C-alpha cells in the first residue's frame, strides 16, 4: 500500500501520505488501494482539503469514522 501511495505523493508519517492528484489520478489511486486493502483489518481514509472538508472524508475498511464534533461518550 505504501508503494502505491508513494507513486502519487510523499510519506509524512508512518501510515500517512500527502498526495496532490487530479480527479483521474485520485480514481486510479483509490482503485489500486481498494484492490490491496484487507477491509476487515485495515482502515483507509481519504481527506479532501479545502472548504467543506467535513463532507469530504471517505473511509474504507475497519474501524468507524471519527467525528471530532460528534457525541463524546466516556
Protein backbone atom coordinates (compact mmCIF):
# COMPACT_ATOMS: atom_id res chain seq x y z
CA UNK A 1 0.00 0.00 0.00
CA UNK A 2 2.84 2.38 0.85
CA UNK A 3 4.43 1.87 -2.58
CA UNK A 4 1.16 2.78 -4.28
CA UNK A 5 0.81 5.94 -2.19
CA UNK A 6 4.43 6.94 -2.81
CA UNK A 7 3.73 6.79 -6.55
CA UNK A 8 1.31 9.69 -6.06
CA UNK A 9 2.77 11.70 -3.17
CA UNK A 10 5.05 11.65 -0.17
CA UNK A 11 5.07 9.91 3.19
CA UNK A 12 4.67 12.38 6.08
CA UNK A 13 4.29 9.80 8.87
CA UNK A 14 4.50 6.02 9.04
CA UNK A 15 0.98 5.49 7.71
CA UNK A 16 0.17 8.99 6.41
CA UNK A 17 0.73 10.19 2.87
CA UNK A 18 0.08 13.56 1.25
CA UNK A 19 -0.85 13.39 -2.40
CA UNK A 20 -1.74 16.17 -4.81
CA UNK A 21 -3.80 14.48 -7.51
CA UNK A 22 -6.36 15.41 -10.11
CA UNK A 23 -9.72 13.56 -10.24
CA UNK A 24 -8.46 10.93 -12.71
CA UNK A 25 -5.34 10.22 -10.65
CA UNK A 26 -7.42 10.02 -7.47
CA UNK A 27 -9.79 7.49 -9.04
CA UNK A 28 -6.85 5.32 -10.12
CA UNK A 29 -5.11 5.55 -6.74
CA UNK A 30 -8.32 4.71 -4.89
CA UNK A 31 -8.99 1.74 -7.19
CA UNK A 32 -5.44 0.43 -6.68
CA UNK A 33 -5.69 0.72 -2.89
CA UNK A 34 -9.14 -0.88 -2.74
CA UNK A 35 -7.69 -3.94 -4.50
CA UNK A 36 -4.90 -4.23 -1.89
CA UNK A 37 -6.70 -3.40 1.38
CA UNK A 38 -7.80 -6.08 3.84
CA UNK A 39 -11.14 -4.42 4.80
CA UNK A 40 -11.60 -6.49 7.97
CA UNK A 41 -8.20 -5.40 9.32
CA UNK A 42 -7.12 -2.20 7.53
CA UNK A 43 -8.55 1.28 7.63
CA UNK A 44 -8.12 3.63 4.71
CA UNK A 45 -9.20 7.27 4.83
CA UNK A 46 -9.14 9.98 2.20
CA UNK A 47 -9.24 13.58 3.43
CA UNK A 48 -10.05 16.22 0.86
CA UNK A 49 -8.71 19.59 1.99
CA UNK A 50 -10.32 22.97 1.46
CA UNK A 51 -13.74 24.39 2.20
CA UNK A 52 -16.42 21.98 3.38
CA UNK A 53 -13.79 19.41 4.42
CA UNK A 54 -16.13 17.63 6.83
CA UNK A 55 -18.30 16.35 4.00
CA UNK A 56 -15.20 15.32 2.08
CA UNK A 57 -13.83 12.42 4.13
CA UNK A 58 -14.07 8.93 2.65
CA UNK A 59 -13.48 5.81 4.73
CA UNK A 60 -12.94 2.22 3.60
CA UNK A 61 -12.34 -0.79 5.82
CA UNK A 62 -12.22 -1.46 9.55
CA UNK A 63 -12.87 0.95 12.41
CA UNK A 64 -15.66 3.52 12.36
CA UNK A 65 -15.03 7.02 11.07
CA UNK A 66 -14.11 9.51 13.80
CA UNK A 67 -16.31 12.60 14.07
CA UNK A 68 -14.47 15.22 16.16
CA UNK A 69 -17.65 17.26 16.53
CA UNK A 70 -19.86 14.27 17.37
CA UNK A 71 -21.15 13.00 20.70
CA UNK A 72 -18.46 12.06 23.25
CA UNK A 73 -19.29 9.09 25.48
CA UNK A 74 -16.96 8.33 28.40
